[in-house]
């Protein structure tokens, strides 16, 4: 890892150890933002962020496509519950 102090190396290491947990938390926040979005433009940007986050979690293409084509926050929320079980907090 480049020119990092030992402290910085540990912070970076802990981030990557908990990356899935962080991404799932981010997706949960996006569900809330999707419910509150008041314009289609905002919703489009939020769904783009959802797509990116699902890519980080390596979600199956068929599931990601289903979620993104339906564009319903409640469907995303139900999948997030399942993913929380799949990637438990450390």
PDB file of N, CA and C in Angstrom:
ATOM      1  N   UNK A   1       0.834  -1.190   0.000  1.00  0.00           N
ATOM      2  CA  UNK A   1       0.000   0.000   0.000  1.00  0.00           C
ATOM      3  C   UNK A   1       0.872   1.244   0.000  1.00  0.00           C
ATOM      4  N   UNK A   2       1.193   1.839  -0.992  1.00  0.00           N
ATOM      5  CA  UNK A   2       1.902   3.110  -1.136  1.00  0.00           C
ATOM      6  C   UNK A   2       2.602   3.638   0.091  1.00  0.00           C
ATOM      7  N   UNK A   3       2.669   4.940   0.186  1.00  0.00           N
ATOM      8  CA  UNK A   3       3.355   5.618   1.294  1.00  0.00           C
ATOM      9  C   UNK A   3       2.368   6.038   2.373  1.00  0.00           C
ATOM     10  N   UNK A   4       1.794   5.068   3.050  1.00  0.00           N
ATOM     11  CA  UNK A   4       0.834   5.350   4.113  1.00  0.00           C
ATOM     12  C   UNK A   4       1.460   5.032   5.458  1.00  0.00           C
ATOM     13  N   UNK A   5       1.011   5.767   6.476  1.00  0.00           N
ATOM     14  CA  UNK A   5       1.465   5.473   7.829  1.00  0.00           C
ATOM     15  C   UNK A   5       0.796   4.180   8.283  1.00  0.00           C
ATOM     16  N   UNK A   6       1.323   3.547   9.316  1.00  0.00           N
ATOM     17  CA  UNK A   6       0.674   2.328   9.812  1.00  0.00           C
ATOM     18  C   UNK A   6      -0.789   2.564  10.200  1.00  0.00           C
ATOM     19  N   UNK A   7      -1.077   3.726  10.775  1.00  0.00           N
ATOM     20  CA  UNK A   7      -2.455   4.057  11.149  1.00  0.00           C
ATOM     21  C   UNK A   7      -3.349   4.103   9.911  1.00  0.00           C
ATOM     22  N   UNK A   8      -2.877   4.787   8.866  1.00  0.00           N
ATOM     23  CA  UNK A   8      -3.660   4.904   7.638  1.00  0.00           C
ATOM     24  C   UNK A   8      -3.883   3.533   6.998  1.00  0.00           C
ATOM     25  N   UNK A   9      -2.866   2.683   7.043  1.00  0.00           N
ATOM     26  CA  UNK A   9      -2.993   1.337   6.496  1.00  0.00           C
ATOM     27  C   UNK A   9      -4.084   0.554   7.210  1.00  0.00           C
ATOM     28  N   UNK A  10      -4.167   0.692   8.540  1.00  0.00           N
ATOM     29  CA  UNK A  10      -5.197  -0.013   9.309  1.00  0.00           C
ATOM     30  C   UNK A  10      -6.594   0.518   8.973  1.00  0.00           C
ATOM     31  N   UNK A  11      -6.709   1.840   8.819  1.00  0.00           N
ATOM     32  CA  UNK A  11      -8.005   2.430   8.462  1.00  0.00           C
ATOM     33  C   UNK A  11      -8.462   1.908   7.108  1.00  0.00           C
ATOM     34  N   UNK A  12      -7.563   1.894   6.144  1.00  0.00           N
ATOM     35  CA  UNK A  12      -7.887   1.403   4.803  1.00  0.00           C
ATOM     36  C   UNK A  12      -8.265  -0.072   4.858  1.00  0.00           C
ATOM     37  N   UNK A  13      -7.520  -0.849   5.613  1.00  0.00           N
ATOM     38  CA  UNK A  13      -7.783  -2.279   5.751  1.00  0.00           C
ATOM     39  C   UNK A  13      -9.159  -2.529   6.374  1.00  0.00           C
ATOM     40  N   UNK A  14      -9.485  -1.766   7.424  1.00  0.00           N
ATOM     41  CA  UNK A  14     -10.793  -1.929   8.069  1.00  0.00           C
ATOM     42  C   UNK A  14     -11.930  -1.545   7.125  1.00  0.00           C
ATOM     43  N   UNK A  15     -11.698  -0.524   6.306  1.00  0.00           N
ATOM     44  CA  UNK A  15     -12.722  -0.130   5.334  1.00  0.00           C
ATOM     45  C   UNK A  15     -13.017  -1.294   4.402  1.00  0.00           C
ATOM     46  N   UNK A  16     -11.995  -1.889   3.844  1.00  0.00           N
ATOM     47  CA  UNK A  16     -12.208  -2.983   2.898  1.00  0.00           C
ATOM     48  C   UNK A  16     -12.739  -4.239   3.574  1.00  0.00           C
ATOM     49  N   UNK A  17     -12.433  -4.426   4.849  1.00  0.00           N
ATOM     50  CA  UNK A  17     -13.002  -5.555   5.584  1.00  0.00           C
ATOM     51  C   UNK A  17     -14.510  -5.402   5.758  1.00  0.00           C
ATOM     52  N   UNK A  18     -14.997  -4.165   5.812  1.00  0.00           N
ATOM     53  CA  UNK A  18     -16.418  -3.895   6.063  1.00  0.00           C
ATOM     54  C   UNK A  18     -17.110  -3.278   4.851  1.00  0.00           C
ATOM     55  N   UNK A  19     -16.518  -3.383   3.673  1.00  0.00           N
ATOM     56  CA  UNK A  19     -17.045  -2.708   2.491  1.00  0.00           C
ATOM     57  C   UNK A  19     -18.485  -3.116   2.173  1.00  0.00           C
ATOM     58  N   UNK A  20     -18.785  -4.428   2.237  1.00  0.00           N
ATOM     59  CA  UNK A  20     -20.143  -4.877   1.922  1.00  0.00           C
ATOM     60  C   UNK A  20     -21.152  -4.254   2.880  1.00  0.00           C
ATOM     61  N   UNK A  21     -20.794  -4.224   4.156  1.00  0.00           N
ATOM     62  CA  UNK A  21     -21.681  -3.636   5.165  1.00  0.00           C
ATOM     63  C   UNK A  21     -21.926  -2.152   4.876  1.00  0.00           C
ATOM     64  N   UNK A  22     -20.882  -1.452   4.473  1.00  0.00           N
ATOM     65  CA  UNK A  22     -20.979  -0.023   4.162  1.00  0.00           C
ATOM     66  C   UNK A  22     -21.868   0.195   2.936  1.00  0.00           C
ATOM     67  N   UNK A  23     -21.690  -0.638   1.915  1.00  0.00           N
ATOM     68  CA  UNK A  23     -22.489  -0.502   0.688  1.00  0.00           C
ATOM     69  C   UNK A  23     -23.966  -0.792   0.966  1.00  0.00           C
ATOM     70  N   UNK A  24     -24.243  -1.793   1.788  1.00  0.00           N
ATOM     71  CA  UNK A  24     -25.639  -2.108   2.131  1.00  0.00           C
ATOM     72  C   UNK A  24     -26.270  -0.950   2.902  1.00  0.00           C
ATOM     73  N   UNK A  25     -25.515  -0.347   3.804  1.00  0.00           N
ATOM     74  CA  UNK A  25     -26.027   0.821   4.531  1.00  0.00           C
ATOM     75  C   UNK A  25     -26.319   1.959   3.552  1.00  0.00           C
ATOM     76  N   UNK A  26     -25.444   2.128   2.581  1.00  0.00           N
ATOM     77  CA  UNK A  26     -25.648   3.154   1.569  1.00  0.00           C
ATOM     78  C   UNK A  26     -26.916   2.872   0.762  1.00  0.00           C
ATOM     79  N   UNK A  27     -27.122   1.609   0.398  1.00  0.00           N
ATOM     80  CA  UNK A  27     -28.340   1.244  -0.334  1.00  0.00           C
ATOM     81  C   UNK A  27     -29.585   1.513   0.499  1.00  0.00           C
ATOM     82  N   UNK A  28     -29.519   1.262   1.784  1.00  0.00           N
ATOM     83  CA  UNK A  28     -30.664   1.540   2.664  1.00  0.00           C
ATOM     84  C   UNK A  28     -30.990   3.023   2.664  1.00  0.00           C
ATOM     85  N   UNK A  29     -29.966   3.849   2.687  1.00  0.00           N
ATOM     86  CA  UNK A  29     -30.180   5.299   2.635  1.00  0.00           C
ATOM     87  C   UNK A  29     -30.776   5.702   1.286  1.00  0.00           C
ATOM     88  N   UNK A  30     -30.337   5.028   0.226  1.00  0.00           N
ATOM     89  CA  UNK A  30     -30.873   5.343  -1.099  1.00  0.00           C
ATOM     90  C   UNK A  30     -32.359   5.013  -1.203  1.00  0.00           C
ATOM     91  N   UNK A  31     -32.808   3.963  -0.532  1.00  0.00           N
ATOM     92  CA  UNK A  31     -34.238   3.628  -0.525  1.00  0.00           C
ATOM     93  C   UNK A  31     -35.025   4.803   0.051  1.00  0.00           C
ATOM     94  N   UNK A  32     -34.548   5.328   1.166  1.00  0.00           N
ATOM     95  CA  UNK A  32     -35.214   6.473   1.783  1.00  0.00           C
ATOM     96  C   UNK A  32     -35.222   7.667   0.834  1.00  0.00           C
ATOM     97  N   UNK A  33     -34.075   7.932   0.211  1.00  0.00           N
ATOM     98  CA  UNK A  33     -33.987   9.060  -0.712  1.00  0.00           C
ATOM     99  C   UNK A  33     -34.915   8.866  -1.916  1.00  0.00           C
ATOM    100  N   UNK A  34     -35.048   7.619  -2.372  1.00  0.00           N
ATOM    101  CA  UNK A  34     -35.960   7.362  -3.493  1.00  0.00           C
ATOM    102  C   UNK A  34     -37.409   7.657  -3.120  1.00  0.00           C
ATOM    103  N   UNK A  35     -37.801   7.303  -1.911  1.00  0.00           N
ATOM    104  CA  UNK A  35     -39.167   7.599  -1.465  1.00  0.00           C
ATOM    105  C   UNK A  35     -39.403   9.108  -1.388  1.00  0.00           C
ATOM    106  N   UNK A  36     -38.354   9.851  -1.027  1.00  0.00           N
ATOM    107  CA  UNK A  36     -38.503  11.288  -0.833  1.00  0.00           C
ATOM    108  C   UNK A  36     -38.226  12.116  -2.090  1.00  0.00           C
ATOM    109  N   UNK A  37     -37.662  11.503  -3.125  1.00  0.00           N
ATOM    110  CA  UNK A  37     -37.313  12.250  -4.338  1.00  0.00           C
ATOM    111  C   UNK A  37     -38.571  12.847  -4.956  1.00  0.00           C
ATOM    112  N   UNK A  38     -38.480  14.122  -5.281  1.00  0.00           N
ATOM    113  CA  UNK A  38     -39.662  14.807  -5.787  1.00  0.00           C
ATOM    114  C   UNK A  38     -39.637  15.054  -7.292  1.00  0.00           C
ATOM    115  N   UNK A  39     -38.522  14.765  -7.956  1.00  0.00           N
ATOM    116  CA  UNK A  39     -38.471  14.917  -9.412  1.00  0.00           C
ATOM    117  C   UNK A  39     -37.944  13.629 -10.045  1.00  0.00           C
ATOM    118  N   UNK A  40     -38.299  13.443 -11.291  1.00  0.00           N
ATOM    119  CA  UNK A  40     -37.844  12.249 -12.022  1.00  0.00           C
ATOM    120  C   UNK A  40     -36.326  12.287 -12.218  1.00  0.00           C
ATOM    121  N   UNK A  41     -35.789  13.470 -12.389  1.00  0.00           N
ATOM    122  CA  UNK A  41     -34.337  13.618 -12.568  1.00  0.00           C
ATOM    123  C   UNK A  41     -33.585  13.123 -11.329  1.00  0.00           C
ATOM    124  N   UNK A  42     -34.079  13.475 -10.144  1.00  0.00           N
ATOM    125  CA  UNK A  42     -33.460  13.001  -8.901  1.00  0.00           C
ATOM    126  C   UNK A  42     -33.559  11.487  -8.797  1.00  0.00           C
ATOM    127  N   UNK A  43     -34.728  10.955  -9.133  1.00  0.00           N
ATOM    128  CA  UNK A  43     -34.904   9.502  -9.073  1.00  0.00           C
ATOM    129  C   UNK A  43     -33.944   8.790 -10.023  1.00  0.00           C
ATOM    130  N   UNK A  44     -33.766   9.346 -11.225  1.00  0.00           N
ATOM    131  CA  UNK A  44     -32.843   8.743 -12.185  1.00  0.00           C
ATOM    132  C   UNK A  44     -31.422   8.692 -11.626  1.00  0.00           C
ATOM    133  N   UNK A  45     -30.992   9.790 -11.022  1.00  0.00           N
ATOM    134  CA  UNK A  45     -29.637   9.819 -10.429  1.00  0.00           C
ATOM    135  C   UNK A  45     -29.517   8.822  -9.293  1.00  0.00           C
ATOM    136  N   UNK A  46     -30.556   8.720  -8.467  1.00  0.00           N
ATOM    137  CA  UNK A  46     -30.525   7.773  -7.348  1.00  0.00           C
ATOM    138  C   UNK A  46     -30.491   6.335  -7.843  1.00  0.00           C
ATOM    139  N   UNK A  47     -31.251   6.027  -8.894  1.00  0.00           N
ATOM    140  CA  UNK A  47     -31.229   4.662  -9.438  1.00  0.00           C
ATOM    141  C   UNK A  47     -29.870   4.347 -10.053  1.00  0.00           C
ATOM    142  N   UNK A  48     -29.199   5.349 -10.609  1.00  0.00           N
ATOM    143  CA  UNK A  48     -27.831   5.138 -11.107  1.00  0.00           C
ATOM    144  C   UNK A  48     -26.898   4.780  -9.953  1.00  0.00           C
ATOM    145  N   UNK A  49     -27.076   5.444  -8.821  1.00  0.00           N
ATOM    146  CA  UNK A  49     -26.257   5.133  -7.638  1.00  0.00           C
ATOM    147  C   UNK A  49     -26.574   3.734  -7.108  1.00  0.00           C
ATOM    148  N   UNK A  50     -27.843   3.340  -7.175  1.00  0.00           N
ATOM    149  CA  UNK A  50     -28.234   1.988  -6.761  1.00  0.00           C
ATOM    150  C   UNK A  50     -27.536   0.962  -7.652  1.00  0.00           C
ATOM    151  N   UNK A  51     -27.538   1.215  -8.943  1.00  0.00           N
ATOM    152  CA  UNK A  51     -26.887   0.303  -9.890  1.00  0.00           C
ATOM    153  C   UNK A  51     -25.404   0.152  -9.559  1.00  0.00           C
ATOM    154  N   UNK A  52     -24.739   1.253  -9.289  1.00  0.00           N
ATOM    155  CA  UNK A  52     -23.311   1.215  -8.947  1.00  0.00           C
ATOM    156  C   UNK A  52     -23.085   0.426  -7.664  1.00  0.00           C
ATOM    157  N   UNK A  53     -23.908   0.676  -6.665  1.00  0.00           N
ATOM    158  CA  UNK A  53     -23.758  -0.014  -5.379  1.00  0.00           C
ATOM    159  C   UNK A  53     -23.974  -1.515  -5.534  1.00  0.00           C
ATOM    160  N   UNK A  54     -24.968  -1.896  -6.323  1.00  0.00           N
ATOM    161  CA  UNK A  54     -25.206  -3.325  -6.538  1.00  0.00           C
ATOM    162  C   UNK A  54     -24.025  -3.961  -7.268  1.00  0.00           C
ATOM    163  N   UNK A  55     -23.387  -3.200  -8.131  1.00  0.00           N
ATOM    164  CA  UNK A  55     -22.187  -3.687  -8.808  1.00  0.00           C
ATOM    165  C   UNK A  55     -21.062  -3.954  -7.818  1.00  0.00           C
ATOM    166  N   UNK A  56     -20.927  -3.088  -6.812  1.00  0.00           N
ATOM    167  CA  UNK A  56     -19.900  -3.283  -5.784  1.00  0.00           C
ATOM    168  C   UNK A  56     -20.161  -4.546  -4.966  1.00  0.00           C
ATOM    169  N   UNK A  57     -21.435  -4.863  -4.777  1.00  0.00           N
ATOM    170  CA  UNK A  57     -21.788  -6.074  -4.021  1.00  0.00           C
ATOM    171  C   UNK A  57     -21.768  -7.339  -4.880  1.00  0.00           C
ATOM    172  N   UNK A  58     -21.586  -7.142  -6.192  1.00  0.00           N
ATOM    173  CA  UNK A  58     -21.581  -8.271  -7.135  1.00  0.00           C
ATOM    174  C   UNK A  58     -22.913  -9.039  -7.092  1.00  0.00           C
ATOM    175  N   UNK A  59     -23.996  -8.282  -7.133  1.00  0.00           N
ATOM    176  CA  UNK A  59     -25.341  -8.864  -7.159  1.00  0.00           C
ATOM    177  C   UNK A  59     -25.557  -9.515  -8.522  1.00  0.00           C
ATOM    178  N   UNK A  60     -26.243 -10.648  -8.536  1.00  0.00           N
ATOM    179  CA  UNK A  60     -26.507 -11.344  -9.804  1.00  0.00           C
ATOM    180  C   UNK A  60     -27.167 -10.393 -10.787  1.00  0.00           C
ATOM    181  N   UNK A  61     -26.753 -10.505 -12.035  1.00  0.00           N
ATOM    182  CA  UNK A  61     -27.251  -9.617 -13.090  1.00  0.00           C
ATOM    183  C   UNK A  61     -28.771  -9.675 -13.212  1.00  0.00           C
ATOM    184  N   UNK A  62     -29.348 -10.870 -13.081  1.00  0.00           N
ATOM    185  CA  UNK A  62     -30.797 -11.007 -13.234  1.00  0.00           C
ATOM    186  C   UNK A  62     -31.549 -10.258 -12.130  1.00  0.00           C
ATOM    187  N   UNK A  63     -31.030 -10.328 -10.912  1.00  0.00           N
ATOM    188  CA  UNK A  63     -31.673  -9.621  -9.788  1.00  0.00           C
ATOM    189  C   UNK A  63     -31.529  -8.121  -9.973  1.00  0.00           C
ATOM    190  N   UNK A  64     -30.322  -7.680 -10.326  1.00  0.00           N
ATOM    191  CA  UNK A  64     -30.083  -6.245 -10.525  1.00  0.00           C
ATOM    192  C   UNK A  64     -30.967  -5.703 -11.638  1.00  0.00           C
ATOM    193  N   UNK A  65     -31.082  -6.447 -12.724  1.00  0.00           N
ATOM    194  CA  UNK A  65     -31.924  -6.015 -13.843  1.00  0.00           C
ATOM    195  C   UNK A  65     -33.382  -5.912 -13.414  1.00  0.00           C
ATOM    196  N   UNK A  66     -33.846  -6.899 -12.655  1.00  0.00           N
ATOM    197  CA  UNK A  66     -35.228  -6.879 -12.168  1.00  0.00           C
ATOM    198  C   UNK A  66     -35.484  -5.631 -11.318  1.00  0.00           C
ATOM    199  N   UNK A  67     -34.588  -5.358 -10.397  1.00  0.00           N
ATOM    200  CA  UNK A  67     -34.747  -4.194  -9.514  1.00  0.00           C
ATOM    201  C   UNK A  67     -34.732  -2.906 -10.325  1.00  0.00           C
ATOM    202  N   UNK A  68     -33.799  -2.803 -11.259  1.00  0.00           N
ATOM    203  CA  UNK A  68     -33.656  -1.559 -12.018  1.00  0.00           C
ATOM    204  C   UNK A  68     -34.767  -1.355 -13.044  1.00  0.00           C
ATOM    205  N   UNK A  69     -35.351  -2.433 -13.543  1.00  0.00           N
ATOM    206  CA  UNK A  69     -36.452  -2.250 -14.488  1.00  0.00           C
ATOM    207  C   UNK A  69     -37.766  -1.939 -13.770  1.00  0.00           C
ATOM    208  N   UNK A  70     -37.968  -2.523 -12.608  1.00  0.00           N
ATOM    209  CA  UNK A  70     -39.177  -2.241 -11.829  1.00  0.00           C
ATOM    210  C   UNK A  70     -39.150  -0.844 -11.239  1.00  0.00           C
ATOM    211  N   UNK A  71     -37.955  -0.415 -10.788  1.00  0.00           N
ATOM    212  CA  UNK A  71     -37.762   0.928 -10.205  1.00  0.00           C
ATOM    213  C   UNK A  71     -38.742   1.214  -9.059  1.00  0.00           C
ATOM    214  N   UNK A  72     -38.895   0.227  -8.201  1.00  0.00           N
ATOM    215  CA  UNK A  72     -39.754   0.386  -7.026  1.00  0.00           C
ATOM    216  C   UNK A  72     -38.884   0.255  -5.781  1.00  0.00           C
ATOM    217  N   UNK A  73     -38.855   1.289  -4.941  1.00  0.00           N
ATOM    218  CA  UNK A  73     -38.020   1.240  -3.738  1.00  0.00           C
ATOM    219  C   UNK A  73     -38.362   0.072  -2.815  1.00  0.00           C
ATOM    220  N   UNK A  74     -39.639  -0.338  -2.783  1.00  0.00           N
ATOM    221  CA  UNK A  74     -40.021  -1.432  -1.890  1.00  0.00           C
ATOM    222  C   UNK A  74     -39.395  -2.762  -2.334  1.00  0.00           C
ATOM    223  N   UNK A  75     -39.219  -2.949  -3.639  1.00  0.00           N
ATOM    224  CA  UNK A  75     -38.549  -4.162  -4.127  1.00  0.00           C
ATOM    225  C   UNK A  75     -37.078  -4.137  -3.717  1.00  0.00           C
ATOM    226  N   UNK A  76     -36.446  -2.987  -3.885  1.00  0.00           N
ATOM    227  CA  UNK A  76     -35.051  -2.839  -3.472  1.00  0.00           C
ATOM    228  C   UNK A  76     -34.913  -3.084  -1.973  1.00  0.00           C
ATOM    229  N   UNK A  77     -35.832  -2.533  -1.191  1.00  0.00           N
ATOM    230  CA  UNK A  77     -35.779  -2.696   0.264  1.00  0.00           C
ATOM    231  C   UNK A  77     -35.876  -4.164   0.671  1.00  0.00           C
ATOM    232  N   UNK A  78     -36.749  -4.918   0.004  1.00  0.00           N
ATOM    233  CA  UNK A  78     -36.887  -6.329   0.360  1.00  0.00           C
ATOM    234  C   UNK A  78     -35.613  -7.105   0.035  1.00  0.00           C
ATOM    235  N   UNK A  79     -34.952  -6.753  -1.051  1.00  0.00           N
ATOM    236  CA  UNK A  79     -33.689  -7.412  -1.392  1.00  0.00           C
ATOM    237  C   UNK A  79     -32.579  -7.016  -0.412  1.00  0.00           C
ATOM    238  N   UNK A  80     -32.607  -5.786   0.043  1.00  0.00           N
ATOM    239  CA  UNK A  80     -31.593  -5.333   1.001  1.00  0.00           C
ATOM    240  C   UNK A  80     -31.676  -6.170   2.276  1.00  0.00           C
ATOM    241  N   UNK A  81     -32.888  -6.494   2.712  1.00  0.00           N
ATOM    242  CA  UNK A  81     -33.050  -7.354   3.900  1.00  0.00           C
ATOM    243  C   UNK A  81     -32.342  -8.688   3.690  1.00  0.00           C
ATOM    244  N   UNK A  82     -32.504  -9.267   2.502  1.00  0.00           N
ATOM    245  CA  UNK A  82     -31.840 -10.538   2.191  1.00  0.00           C
ATOM    246  C   UNK A  82     -30.323 -10.374   2.159  1.00  0.00           C
ATOM    247  N   UNK A  83     -29.860  -9.278   1.574  1.00  0.00           N
ATOM    248  CA  UNK A  83     -28.415  -9.051   1.475  1.00  0.00           C
ATOM    249  C   UNK A  83     -27.789  -8.814   2.843  1.00  0.00           C
ATOM    250  N   UNK A  84     -28.559  -8.242   3.765  1.00  0.00           N
ATOM    251  CA  UNK A  84     -28.039  -8.043   5.125  1.00  0.00           C
ATOM    252  C   UNK A  84     -27.746  -9.394   5.782  1.00  0.00           C
ATOM    253  N   UNK A  85     -28.563 -10.389   5.469  1.00  0.00           N
ATOM    254  CA  UNK A  85     -28.319 -11.742   5.995  1.00  0.00           C
ATOM    255  C   UNK A  85     -27.119 -12.381   5.312  1.00  0.00           C
ATOM    256  N   UNK A  86     -26.964 -12.081   4.031  1.00  0.00           N
ATOM    257  CA  UNK A  86     -25.872 -12.650   3.249  1.00  0.00           C
ATOM    258  C   UNK A  86     -24.519 -12.051   3.648  1.00  0.00           C
ATOM    259  N   UNK A  87     -24.501 -10.758   3.982  1.00  0.00           N
ATOM    260  CA  UNK A  87     -23.287 -10.056   4.384  1.00  0.00           C
ATOM    261  C   UNK A  87     -23.475  -9.543   5.811  1.00  0.00           C
ATOM    262  N   UNK A  88     -23.407 -10.414   6.811  1.00  0.00           N
ATOM    263  CA  UNK A  88     -23.673  -9.971   8.181  1.00  0.00           C
ATOM    264  C   UNK A  88     -22.603  -8.991   8.673  1.00  0.00           C
ATOM    265  N   UNK A  89     -23.001  -8.140   9.616  1.00  0.00           N
ATOM    266  CA  UNK A  89     -22.073  -7.171  10.209  1.00  0.00           C
ATOM    267  C   UNK A  89     -20.991  -7.921  10.980  1.00  0.00           C
ATOM    268  N   UNK A  90     -19.787  -7.380  10.877  1.00  0.00           N
ATOM    269  CA  UNK A  90     -18.646  -8.027  11.543  1.00  0.00           C
ATOM    270  C   UNK A  90     -18.416  -7.441  12.911  1.00  0.00           C
TER     271      UNK A  90
END
